[in-house]
């Protein structure tokens, strides 16, 4: 069997050394025959760099690398001068970014055998490189830029540096538009989508294919890929469980798996684990959660506007947008309302749902021993429906939270905070299903927890009374009576001063 291309984003190595390659050249062909300036945003470890390197080899005319692939007999494989830019290294200061740009441009000069007289400043050097490459090869220049946003994302913890780096990149990318007459094709990719006004003010003709249905599968593995390419590597694996763990990313075509998850799952002897999540920690997301009045439980079914997903800038970063663009949320459904579109977001799969919630708890509780003990006890309590013990566990849970992590006072009276914490505990523990604000005929249930053939309905009140009575009055439980063997209702009331629960009642209704 072919080797697994773990961590390999060089197309020529994959093809020449007999690694698995899932053919994305149909999307490449459609892209380069229909567009000149293109942009793609995808989460990290999703195959963006490999796709960009595939374009690199197409425009270098290396036809033999594509034998047996879709594009092989459809493209002329004419050779073009290619400028390839990948941001990495020290980008933690404006000076470091400028030096990195100059190093990249020097390497491209060597590859293209073009010598620029103006090595500084960086924008003049870039402009000269484009023009001289066109003059030398008598053909339009191809520009491929990977991780276009890294110099900004790496500095979101130091906003002033991020702003300075943004201005450097704005000037750098502006050179592309000014040299349109020398250019054949441009492709930029990264994790985030910053607004055109903030970075691409000069590139107002840039075509964003991030949520273009024809290119929805441009990165990631489809179910068809799993069935046709990876099945020999998955002997004995429960494919439904594989789908539940790693599938679910949706960019308006088919649902796709993160390639990194599938490759690591196979390489680690078919063990289910948090492979993608563990490659990067969402610390910046936690800081956003800390500052805002977010209810994490609502992220199972989060409604956002088209504008919120479209782009963001440093001065106006929202948690929902960053979670979507970085891959912790994905599109569940698109709702069309006349000329407007709304998006329903959710966690893409079990890996991201469990991992993100568990990470949030680690931030809140700090003491991982206590966190793990509470999660273990919660599983035992709900498996056995031993709810008399739940009150003490919940009091221990909230007593363990480091409230001084929070710079504002919303936790003292914001019901969503308490709901978020409880939701995170259950979701992070891996319960069968946890649903926030489940719709009934007479309102929404704060939290529904499912395990085996049992369902538990939770209602929360902050500085108020009658949580259990509300469930009874509105008969939230009726929708579950037919399909579950045991149905329980639980009312939990919190006090904003003590920041803990003051009353707890439960009943079994079936």
Protein backbone atom coordinates (compact mmCIF):
# COMPACT_ATOMS: atom_id res chain seq x y z
CA UNK A 1 0.00 0.00 0.00
CA UNK A 2 1.04 3.60 -0.55
CA UNK A 3 2.66 5.58 2.25
CA UNK A 4 0.75 8.14 4.33
CA UNK A 5 1.77 11.76 3.53
CA UNK A 6 1.82 12.91 7.14
CA UNK A 7 3.20 16.44 7.34
CA UNK A 8 4.17 16.46 3.66
CA UNK A 9 2.87 19.39 1.61
CA UNK A 10 5.32 19.09 -1.30
CA UNK A 11 3.42 17.74 -4.30
CA UNK A 12 6.50 16.40 -6.12
CA UNK A 13 7.60 14.32 -3.09
CA UNK A 14 4.12 12.83 -2.72
CA UNK A 15 3.97 11.86 -6.40
CA UNK A 16 7.57 10.70 -6.85
CA UNK A 17 7.87 8.74 -3.61
CA UNK A 18 4.57 6.84 -3.81
CA UNK A 19 2.56 8.56 -1.09
CA UNK A 20 -1.24 8.65 -1.11
CA UNK A 21 -2.58 11.60 -3.09
CA UNK A 22 -6.28 12.46 -3.16
CA UNK A 23 -6.81 14.08 -6.56
CA UNK A 24 -7.67 17.77 -6.25
CA UNK A 25 -6.59 18.67 -9.79
CA UNK A 26 -10.16 18.99 -11.04
CA UNK A 27 -10.64 21.91 -8.66
CA UNK A 28 -7.22 23.24 -9.67
CA UNK A 29 -8.16 23.09 -13.35
CA UNK A 30 -11.49 24.86 -12.77
CA UNK A 31 -9.71 27.53 -10.74
CA UNK A 32 -6.91 28.37 -13.17
CA UNK A 33 -9.11 28.33 -16.26
CA UNK A 34 -11.82 30.59 -14.83
CA UNK A 35 -10.09 33.08 -12.53
CA UNK A 36 -7.05 35.33 -12.36
CA UNK A 37 -7.04 36.61 -8.75
CA UNK A 38 -8.27 34.12 -6.14
CA UNK A 39 -8.37 33.74 -2.35
CA UNK A 40 -9.13 30.71 -0.15
CA UNK A 41 -9.60 30.51 3.61
CA UNK A 42 -9.51 27.15 5.41
CA UNK A 43 -8.62 26.01 8.95
CA UNK A 44 -5.08 24.92 9.77
CA UNK A 45 -3.89 21.44 8.75
CA UNK A 46 -6.51 21.23 6.02
CA UNK A 47 -4.30 20.78 2.97
CA UNK A 48 -4.04 24.40 1.82
CA UNK A 49 -0.26 24.29 1.44
CA UNK A 50 -0.40 21.06 -0.59
CA UNK A 51 -3.01 22.54 -2.91
CA UNK A 52 -0.90 25.65 -3.39
CA UNK A 53 2.15 23.50 -4.17
CA UNK A 54 0.04 21.55 -6.66
CA UNK A 55 -0.63 24.82 -8.48
CA UNK A 56 3.10 25.54 -8.32
CA UNK A 57 3.94 22.34 -10.21
CA UNK A 58 1.14 22.89 -12.74
CA UNK A 59 2.49 26.31 -13.68
CA UNK A 60 6.07 25.05 -13.72
CA UNK A 61 4.99 22.66 -16.46
CA UNK A 62 5.89 19.41 -14.67
CA UNK A 63 3.34 17.31 -16.55
CA UNK A 64 4.73 13.90 -15.61
CA UNK A 65 3.89 14.51 -11.95
CA UNK A 66 0.20 14.57 -12.94
CA UNK A 67 0.02 11.33 -14.87
CA UNK A 68 -3.22 9.55 -14.03
CA UNK A 69 -4.79 12.67 -12.48
CA UNK A 70 -7.76 14.66 -13.78
CA UNK A 71 -5.76 17.55 -15.19
CA UNK A 72 -3.16 15.46 -17.06
CA UNK A 73 -4.72 15.56 -20.55
CA UNK A 74 -6.63 18.82 -20.14
CA UNK A 75 -3.97 21.43 -19.40
CA UNK A 76 -1.16 22.52 -21.72
CA UNK A 77 1.47 22.50 -18.93
CA UNK A 78 3.16 25.52 -20.44
CA UNK A 79 5.92 26.76 -18.15
CA UNK A 80 5.43 30.12 -16.39
CA UNK A 81 7.61 32.11 -14.00
CA UNK A 82 6.24 31.41 -10.48
CA UNK A 83 6.80 33.53 -7.38
CA UNK A 84 6.02 31.39 -4.33
CA UNK A 85 5.68 33.03 -0.93
CA UNK A 86 5.12 31.19 2.36
CA UNK A 87 5.18 33.15 5.60
CA UNK A 88 6.94 31.46 8.50
CA UNK A 89 9.75 32.19 10.94
CA UNK A 90 9.99 35.24 13.21
CA UNK A 91 6.94 37.41 12.52
CA UNK A 92 6.61 38.82 16.04
CA UNK A 93 7.80 42.29 15.07
CA UNK A 94 7.46 44.57 12.04
CA UNK A 95 11.22 44.36 11.53
CA UNK A 96 11.10 40.58 11.63
CA UNK A 97 8.30 40.56 9.03
CA UNK A 98 10.20 42.89 6.69
CA UNK A 99 13.33 40.77 6.95
CA UNK A 100 11.30 37.62 6.28
CA UNK A 101 9.76 39.18 3.15
CA UNK A 102 13.21 40.13 1.85
CA UNK A 103 14.52 36.60 2.48
CA UNK A 104 11.57 35.14 0.56
CA UNK A 105 12.07 37.52 -2.33
CA UNK A 106 15.81 36.70 -2.45
CA UNK A 107 15.02 32.98 -2.69
CA UNK A 108 12.59 33.66 -5.55
CA UNK A 109 15.23 35.71 -7.35
CA UNK A 110 17.60 32.74 -7.14
CA UNK A 111 14.95 30.29 -8.35
CA UNK A 112 13.93 32.48 -11.29
CA UNK A 113 17.50 33.54 -12.04
CA UNK A 114 16.47 37.17 -11.85
CA UNK A 115 18.56 39.77 -10.03
CA UNK A 116 16.85 42.80 -8.55
CA UNK A 117 18.76 46.04 -8.11
CA UNK A 118 16.43 47.31 -5.41
CA UNK A 119 16.65 44.78 -2.59
CA UNK A 120 15.10 47.28 -0.20
CA UNK A 121 12.50 48.41 0.56
CA UNK A 122 10.55 45.15 0.33
CA UNK A 123 7.70 46.50 -1.83
CA UNK A 124 10.09 47.92 -4.42
CA UNK A 125 11.95 44.62 -4.52
CA UNK A 126 8.68 42.71 -5.05
CA UNK A 127 7.62 45.01 -7.87
CA UNK A 128 10.99 44.67 -9.60
CA UNK A 129 10.91 40.89 -9.25
CA UNK A 130 7.50 40.71 -10.97
CA UNK A 131 8.49 43.00 -13.82
CA UNK A 132 11.90 41.42 -14.48
CA UNK A 133 10.46 37.89 -14.36
CA UNK A 134 7.92 38.87 -17.00
CA UNK A 135 10.61 40.44 -19.17
CA UNK A 136 12.98 37.47 -18.87
CA UNK A 137 10.45 34.71 -19.64
CA UNK A 138 8.08 36.71 -21.90
CA UNK A 139 5.11 35.23 -20.03
CA UNK A 140 2.72 36.31 -17.31
CA UNK A 141 3.94 35.81 -13.75
CA UNK A 142 2.15 33.43 -11.35
CA UNK A 143 2.07 34.52 -7.69
CA UNK A 144 1.24 31.96 -4.98
CA UNK A 145 1.03 33.14 -1.36
CA UNK A 146 0.60 30.69 1.53
CA UNK A 147 -0.34 31.76 5.07
CA UNK A 148 -0.90 35.32 3.92
CA UNK A 149 -2.29 36.23 7.37
CA UNK A 150 0.24 34.56 9.68
CA UNK A 151 2.04 37.80 10.56
CA UNK A 152 -1.25 39.14 11.91
CA UNK A 153 -2.63 36.01 13.56
CA UNK A 154 0.67 35.37 15.36
CA UNK A 155 0.33 38.75 17.05
CA UNK A 156 -3.29 38.94 18.18
CA UNK A 157 -1.94 38.97 21.73
CA UNK A 158 -0.07 42.21 20.91
CA UNK A 159 -2.56 44.20 18.86
CA UNK A 160 -0.34 47.17 18.07
CA UNK A 161 2.25 44.87 16.46
CA UNK A 162 -0.54 43.12 14.57
CA UNK A 163 -1.70 46.49 13.23
CA UNK A 164 1.81 47.44 12.11
CA UNK A 165 2.23 44.09 10.38
CA UNK A 166 -1.15 44.57 8.71
CA UNK A 167 0.05 47.84 7.17
CA UNK A 168 3.23 46.16 5.89
CA UNK A 169 1.22 43.39 4.26
CA UNK A 170 -1.26 45.90 2.84
CA UNK A 171 1.58 47.71 1.09
CA UNK A 172 3.14 44.42 -0.05
CA UNK A 173 -0.09 42.96 -1.52
CA UNK A 174 -0.90 46.31 -3.15
CA UNK A 175 2.06 45.76 -5.50
CA UNK A 176 0.15 42.89 -7.14
CA UNK A 177 -2.70 45.10 -8.36
CA UNK A 178 -0.26 47.76 -9.62
CA UNK A 179 1.46 45.15 -11.83
CA UNK A 180 -1.62 43.55 -13.35
CA UNK A 181 -0.21 43.75 -16.89
CA UNK A 182 2.62 41.37 -15.93
CA UNK A 183 0.50 38.79 -14.10
CA UNK A 184 -1.00 35.48 -15.27
CA UNK A 185 -2.58 34.16 -12.04
CA UNK A 186 -2.64 34.91 -8.29
CA UNK A 187 -3.68 32.60 -5.44
CA UNK A 188 -3.59 33.50 -1.74
CA UNK A 189 -4.53 31.24 1.12
CA UNK A 190 -4.67 31.42 4.89
CA UNK A 191 -6.76 30.63 7.95
CA UNK A 192 -8.62 33.90 8.37
CA UNK A 193 -10.56 36.25 6.16
CA UNK A 194 -9.62 39.83 6.89
CA UNK A 195 -11.68 42.51 5.21
CA UNK A 196 -10.55 43.72 1.79
CA UNK A 197 -10.50 47.27 3.08
CA UNK A 198 -7.95 46.40 5.75
CA UNK A 199 -5.48 44.28 3.77
CA UNK A 200 -6.51 44.01 0.12
CA UNK A 201 -7.61 47.58 -0.58
CA UNK A 202 -5.56 47.48 -3.76
CA UNK A 203 -6.75 44.00 -4.72
CA UNK A 204 -10.44 44.81 -5.06
CA UNK A 205 -10.74 42.28 -7.92
CA UNK A 206 -9.79 39.35 -5.68
CA UNK A 207 -12.26 36.45 -6.06
CA UNK A 208 -12.99 34.80 -2.72
CA UNK A 209 -13.76 31.08 -3.24
CA UNK A 210 -13.95 30.21 0.47
CA UNK A 211 -17.70 29.59 0.39
CA UNK A 212 -18.10 29.01 -3.34
CA UNK A 213 -19.92 25.64 -3.73
CA UNK A 214 -17.90 24.46 -6.78
CA UNK A 215 -14.77 24.69 -4.61
CA UNK A 216 -16.30 23.38 -1.38
CA UNK A 217 -14.19 20.20 -1.54
CA UNK A 218 -10.95 21.90 -2.63
CA UNK A 219 -9.37 20.86 0.69
CA UNK A 220 -10.27 17.93 2.94
CA UNK A 221 -11.33 14.33 2.28
CA UNK A 222 -14.88 13.47 1.22
CA UNK A 223 -16.71 10.29 2.20
CA UNK A 224 -16.06 9.08 -1.35
CA UNK A 225 -12.32 9.55 -0.75
CA UNK A 226 -12.56 7.48 2.44
CA UNK A 227 -14.44 4.70 0.63
CA UNK A 228 -12.25 4.66 -2.50
CA UNK A 229 -8.78 5.55 -1.22
CA UNK A 230 -8.51 4.80 2.49
CA UNK A 231 -10.73 1.75 3.01
CA UNK A 232 -7.81 -0.75 2.86
CA UNK A 233 -6.19 1.16 5.74
CA UNK A 234 -9.37 1.08 7.86
CA UNK A 235 -10.02 -2.62 8.31
CA UNK A 236 -12.13 -3.30 11.38
CA UNK A 237 -12.98 0.38 11.92
CA UNK A 238 -16.56 1.41 12.64
CA UNK A 239 -16.99 3.88 9.76
CA UNK A 240 -20.01 5.52 11.36
CA UNK A 241 -17.92 6.26 14.43
CA UNK A 242 -15.10 7.57 12.20
CA UNK A 243 -17.57 9.93 10.57
CA UNK A 244 -18.92 11.08 13.94
CA UNK A 245 -15.41 11.79 15.21
CA UNK A 246 -13.76 13.46 12.21
CA UNK A 247 -16.25 14.30 9.44
CA UNK A 248 -18.60 17.29 9.38
CA UNK A 249 -16.76 20.30 7.96
CA UNK A 250 -19.06 21.91 5.39
CA UNK A 251 -18.12 24.55 2.85
CA UNK A 252 -21.34 24.37 0.83
CA UNK A 253 -20.58 21.28 -1.27
CA UNK A 254 -19.99 17.93 0.54
CA UNK A 255 -19.12 17.36 4.16
CA UNK A 256 -15.41 16.70 4.49
CA UNK A 257 -12.92 15.20 6.93
CA UNK A 258 -9.84 17.06 8.09
CA UNK A 259 -7.00 15.18 6.29
CA UNK A 260 -4.68 15.46 9.29
CA UNK A 261 -7.15 13.54 11.47
CA UNK A 262 -7.52 10.66 9.02
CA UNK A 263 -3.78 10.28 8.41
CA UNK A 264 -2.93 10.38 12.13
CA UNK A 265 -5.80 8.03 12.98
CA UNK A 266 -4.41 5.41 10.59
CA UNK A 267 -0.81 5.99 11.64
CA UNK A 268 -1.73 5.61 15.34
CA UNK A 269 -3.15 2.11 14.87
CA UNK A 270 -6.77 3.27 14.41
CA UNK A 271 -7.07 4.89 17.83
CA UNK A 272 -9.67 7.66 18.21
CA UNK A 273 -8.02 10.78 19.59
CA UNK A 274 -7.93 14.57 19.24
CA UNK A 275 -5.27 14.71 16.53
CA UNK A 276 -6.15 18.00 14.84
CA UNK A 277 -7.11 19.84 18.01
CA UNK A 278 -3.84 18.99 19.70
CA UNK A 279 -1.77 20.70 16.97
CA UNK A 280 -2.77 24.13 18.23
CA UNK A 281 -4.39 25.61 21.31
CA UNK A 282 -7.23 28.14 20.89
CA UNK A 283 -5.91 30.46 23.61
CA UNK A 284 -7.01 33.58 21.76
CA UNK A 285 -10.55 32.20 21.53
CA UNK A 286 -10.58 31.71 25.28
CA UNK A 287 -9.61 35.36 25.75
CA UNK A 288 -12.54 36.41 23.57
CA UNK A 289 -14.88 34.17 25.56
CA UNK A 290 -13.55 35.69 28.77
CA UNK A 291 -14.32 39.24 27.63
CA UNK A 292 -17.79 38.73 26.18
CA UNK A 293 -21.19 37.52 27.36
CA UNK A 294 -21.23 34.32 25.33
CA UNK A 295 -23.28 31.23 26.01
CA UNK A 296 -21.14 28.35 24.83
CA UNK A 297 -24.15 26.04 24.93
CA UNK A 298 -25.65 27.97 22.02
CA UNK A 299 -22.71 27.05 19.79
CA UNK A 300 -24.45 23.78 18.98
CA UNK A 301 -26.97 25.75 16.94
CA UNK A 302 -25.61 29.26 16.47
CA UNK A 303 -27.36 31.59 14.03
CA UNK A 304 -25.18 34.27 12.40
CA UNK A 305 -25.54 36.68 9.51
CA UNK A 306 -23.71 36.41 6.22
CA UNK A 307 -21.72 39.53 7.09
CA UNK A 308 -20.46 38.02 10.33
CA UNK A 309 -18.89 35.09 8.48
CA UNK A 310 -17.60 37.15 5.59
CA UNK A 311 -14.56 38.82 7.18
CA UNK A 312 -13.22 40.61 10.22
CA UNK A 313 -10.58 43.11 11.15
CA UNK A 314 -8.32 43.50 14.14
CA UNK A 315 -10.46 46.28 15.61
CA UNK A 316 -13.67 44.21 15.44
CA UNK A 317 -12.99 40.56 16.18
CA UNK A 318 -15.96 38.43 17.24
CA UNK A 319 -15.74 35.00 18.83
CA UNK A 320 -18.22 33.48 16.37
CA UNK A 321 -16.25 34.61 13.30
CA UNK A 322 -12.89 33.44 14.62
CA UNK A 323 -14.29 30.07 15.73
CA UNK A 324 -15.73 29.50 12.26
CA UNK A 325 -12.66 30.58 10.32
CA UNK A 326 -10.28 28.63 12.54
CA UNK A 327 -12.33 25.42 12.26
CA UNK A 328 -13.93 25.07 15.70
CA UNK A 329 -17.35 25.73 14.16
CA UNK A 330 -18.69 24.88 10.72
CA UNK A 331 -21.83 25.53 8.69
CA UNK A 332 -24.73 23.29 9.66
CA UNK A 333 -27.40 24.90 7.49
CA UNK A 334 -27.95 27.90 5.21
CA UNK A 335 -31.26 29.71 5.63
CA UNK A 336 -32.32 31.89 2.70
CA UNK A 337 -34.53 34.89 3.49
CA UNK A 338 -35.35 36.74 0.28
CA UNK A 339 -32.05 38.38 -0.71
CA UNK A 340 -30.33 37.58 2.59
CA UNK A 341 -28.65 34.45 3.87
CA UNK A 342 -28.29 33.32 7.47
CA UNK A 343 -25.96 30.56 8.58
CA UNK A 344 -26.55 28.06 11.36
CA UNK A 345 -23.19 27.04 12.83
CA UNK A 346 -22.27 24.04 14.97
CA UNK A 347 -19.27 22.00 16.09
CA UNK A 348 -18.17 19.98 13.05
CA UNK A 349 -17.63 16.71 14.87
CA UNK A 350 -17.04 14.94 18.15
CA UNK A 351 -13.34 15.75 18.22
CA UNK A 352 -13.80 19.53 18.13
CA UNK A 353 -16.83 19.47 20.43
CA UNK A 354 -15.18 17.43 23.16
CA UNK A 355 -11.76 19.04 22.83
CA UNK A 356 -12.84 22.67 22.78
CA UNK A 357 -15.17 22.27 25.75
CA UNK A 358 -12.54 20.37 27.68
CA UNK A 359 -9.98 23.07 26.89
CA UNK A 360 -12.38 25.75 28.13
CA UNK A 361 -12.86 23.85 31.39
CA UNK A 362 -9.11 23.60 31.86
CA UNK A 363 -8.94 27.39 31.57
CA UNK A 364 -11.82 27.92 33.99
CA UNK A 365 -10.98 25.34 36.63
CA UNK A 366 -7.16 25.31 36.42
CA UNK A 367 -6.99 22.21 38.60
CA UNK A 368 -7.22 19.40 36.05
CA UNK A 369 -7.45 16.74 38.76
CA UNK A 370 -10.65 18.31 40.13
CA UNK A 371 -11.99 18.78 36.58
CA UNK A 372 -11.41 15.16 35.66
CA UNK A 373 -12.89 13.90 38.94
CA UNK A 374 -16.05 15.95 38.45
CA UNK A 375 -16.47 14.75 34.86
CA UNK A 376 -16.04 11.15 35.94
CA UNK A 377 -18.62 11.58 38.72
CA UNK A 378 -21.07 13.23 36.32
CA UNK A 379 -20.86 10.25 33.99
CA UNK A 380 -21.58 7.86 36.88
CA UNK A 381 -24.47 9.98 38.17
CA UNK A 382 -26.23 10.24 34.81
CA UNK A 383 -25.58 6.67 33.74
CA UNK A 384 -27.30 5.51 36.93
CA UNK A 385 -29.76 8.44 37.20
CA UNK A 386 -28.55 9.01 40.77
CA UNK A 387 -29.58 12.67 40.79
CA UNK A 388 -29.59 13.10 44.58
CA UNK A 389 -25.81 13.39 44.36
CA UNK A 390 -25.88 15.98 41.56
CA UNK A 391 -26.38 19.05 43.76
CA UNK A 392 -23.13 18.48 45.70
CA UNK A 393 -21.21 17.83 42.49
CA UNK A 394 -22.48 21.03 40.87
CA UNK A 395 -21.60 23.06 43.95
CA UNK A 396 -18.08 21.62 43.86
CA UNK A 397 -17.93 22.38 40.17
CA UNK A 398 -18.68 26.11 40.55
CA UNK A 399 -16.58 26.41 43.69
CA UNK A 400 -13.58 25.21 41.66
CA UNK A 401 -13.81 27.98 39.05
CA UNK A 402 -11.17 30.71 39.17
CA UNK A 403 -13.47 33.73 38.83
CA UNK A 404 -10.57 36.16 39.05
CA UNK A 405 -9.72 35.13 35.47
CA UNK A 406 -12.56 37.35 34.35
CA UNK A 407 -12.02 41.07 33.84
CA UNK A 408 -15.72 42.02 33.84
CA UNK A 409 -18.69 41.30 36.07
CA UNK A 410 -21.07 39.61 33.65
CA UNK A 411 -20.67 36.25 35.40
CA UNK A 412 -22.46 37.61 38.48
CA UNK A 413 -25.81 37.87 36.72
CA UNK A 414 -25.44 36.31 33.29
CA UNK A 415 -27.35 33.05 33.01
CA UNK A 416 -25.37 32.06 29.93
CA UNK A 417 -22.18 31.73 31.95
CA UNK A 418 -23.62 29.06 34.22
CA UNK A 419 -25.17 27.31 31.25
CA UNK A 420 -21.81 27.44 29.43
CA UNK A 421 -19.94 25.84 32.32
CA UNK A 422 -22.41 22.98 32.75
CA UNK A 423 -22.61 22.45 28.99
CA UNK A 424 -18.80 22.36 28.75
CA UNK A 425 -18.57 19.73 31.47
CA UNK A 426 -21.04 17.41 29.77
CA UNK A 427 -19.82 18.00 26.21
CA UNK A 428 -16.20 17.62 27.30
CA UNK A 429 -17.01 14.36 29.09
CA UNK A 430 -18.33 12.84 25.85
CA UNK A 431 -22.01 12.32 26.62
CA UNK A 432 -24.09 10.83 23.80
CA UNK A 433 -25.74 14.13 22.99
CA UNK A 434 -26.01 17.54 24.65
CA UNK A 435 -28.46 20.04 23.16
CA UNK A 436 -28.80 23.68 24.19
CA UNK A 437 -32.09 25.54 23.76
CA UNK A 438 -33.91 22.60 22.23
CA UNK A 439 -37.16 23.93 20.73
CA UNK A 440 -40.55 22.75 22.04
CA UNK A 441 -44.11 23.88 21.30
CA UNK A 442 -43.99 26.27 24.24
CA UNK A 443 -40.44 27.56 24.43
CA UNK A 444 -36.85 26.40 24.57
CA UNK A 445 -35.21 23.97 26.98
CA UNK A 446 -32.02 25.41 28.48
CA UNK A 447 -30.14 22.10 28.26
CA UNK A 448 -31.05 18.52 27.33
CA UNK A 449 -28.63 15.71 28.14
CA UNK A 450 -28.95 12.28 26.56
CA UNK A 451 -27.26 9.08 27.69
CA UNK A 452 -28.30 5.56 26.73
CA UNK A 453 -32.14 5.50 26.81
CA UNK A 454 -32.41 8.36 29.29
CA UNK A 455 -32.96 12.10 28.78
CA UNK A 456 -32.42 14.84 31.39
CA UNK A 457 -34.04 18.27 30.97
CA UNK A 458 -32.29 21.15 32.78
CA UNK A 459 -33.64 24.65 33.39
CA UNK A 460 -31.48 27.42 34.94
CA UNK A 461 -32.43 30.57 36.86
CA UNK A 462 -30.10 33.30 38.17
CA UNK A 463 -31.47 35.25 41.15
CA UNK A 464 -34.88 33.81 40.41
CA UNK A 465 -37.20 31.04 41.51
CA UNK A 466 -39.28 28.36 39.87
CA UNK A 467 -36.87 26.61 37.50
CA UNK A 468 -38.47 23.19 37.96
CA UNK A 469 -41.96 24.68 37.95
CA UNK A 470 -41.29 26.27 34.56
CA UNK A 471 -40.44 22.88 33.04
CA UNK A 472 -43.68 21.46 34.41
CA UNK A 473 -45.81 24.42 33.38
CA UNK A 474 -44.53 24.43 29.81
CA UNK A 475 -44.32 20.63 29.63
CA UNK A 476 -40.88 20.68 27.98
CA UNK A 477 -40.57 16.94 28.61
CA UNK A 478 -43.52 15.86 26.42
CA UNK A 479 -41.49 15.72 23.19
CA UNK A 480 -39.26 12.98 24.68
CA UNK A 481 -41.85 10.72 26.31
CA UNK A 482 -42.37 8.49 23.31
CA UNK A 483 -38.75 7.78 22.38
CA UNK A 484 -37.00 7.43 25.74
CA UNK A 485 -37.41 4.92 28.53
CA UNK A 486 -36.57 7.36 31.31
CA UNK A 487 -37.23 11.13 31.36
CA UNK A 488 -36.02 13.40 34.19
CA UNK A 489 -36.55 17.13 34.81
CA UNK A 490 -34.08 19.21 36.83
CA UNK A 491 -34.42 22.80 38.06
CA UNK A 492 -31.21 24.62 39.08
CA UNK A 493 -31.15 28.10 40.64
CA UNK A 494 -28.03 30.26 41.10
CA UNK A 495 -27.19 33.22 43.31
CA UNK A 496 -25.13 35.97 41.67
CA UNK A 497 -23.46 37.01 44.94
CA UNK A 498 -22.21 33.58 45.99
CA UNK A 499 -21.72 32.57 42.34
CA UNK A 500 -23.03 29.12 43.09
CA UNK A 501 -26.29 27.23 43.06
CA UNK A 502 -28.73 27.81 45.87
CA UNK A 503 -31.58 25.47 44.96
CA UNK A 504 -31.79 22.16 43.17
CA UNK A 505 -34.89 20.06 42.49
CA UNK A 506 -35.56 17.10 40.26
CA UNK A 507 -38.31 14.68 39.33
CA UNK A 508 -38.70 11.65 37.15
CA UNK A 509 -41.67 12.07 34.77
CA UNK A 510 -41.34 8.71 33.01
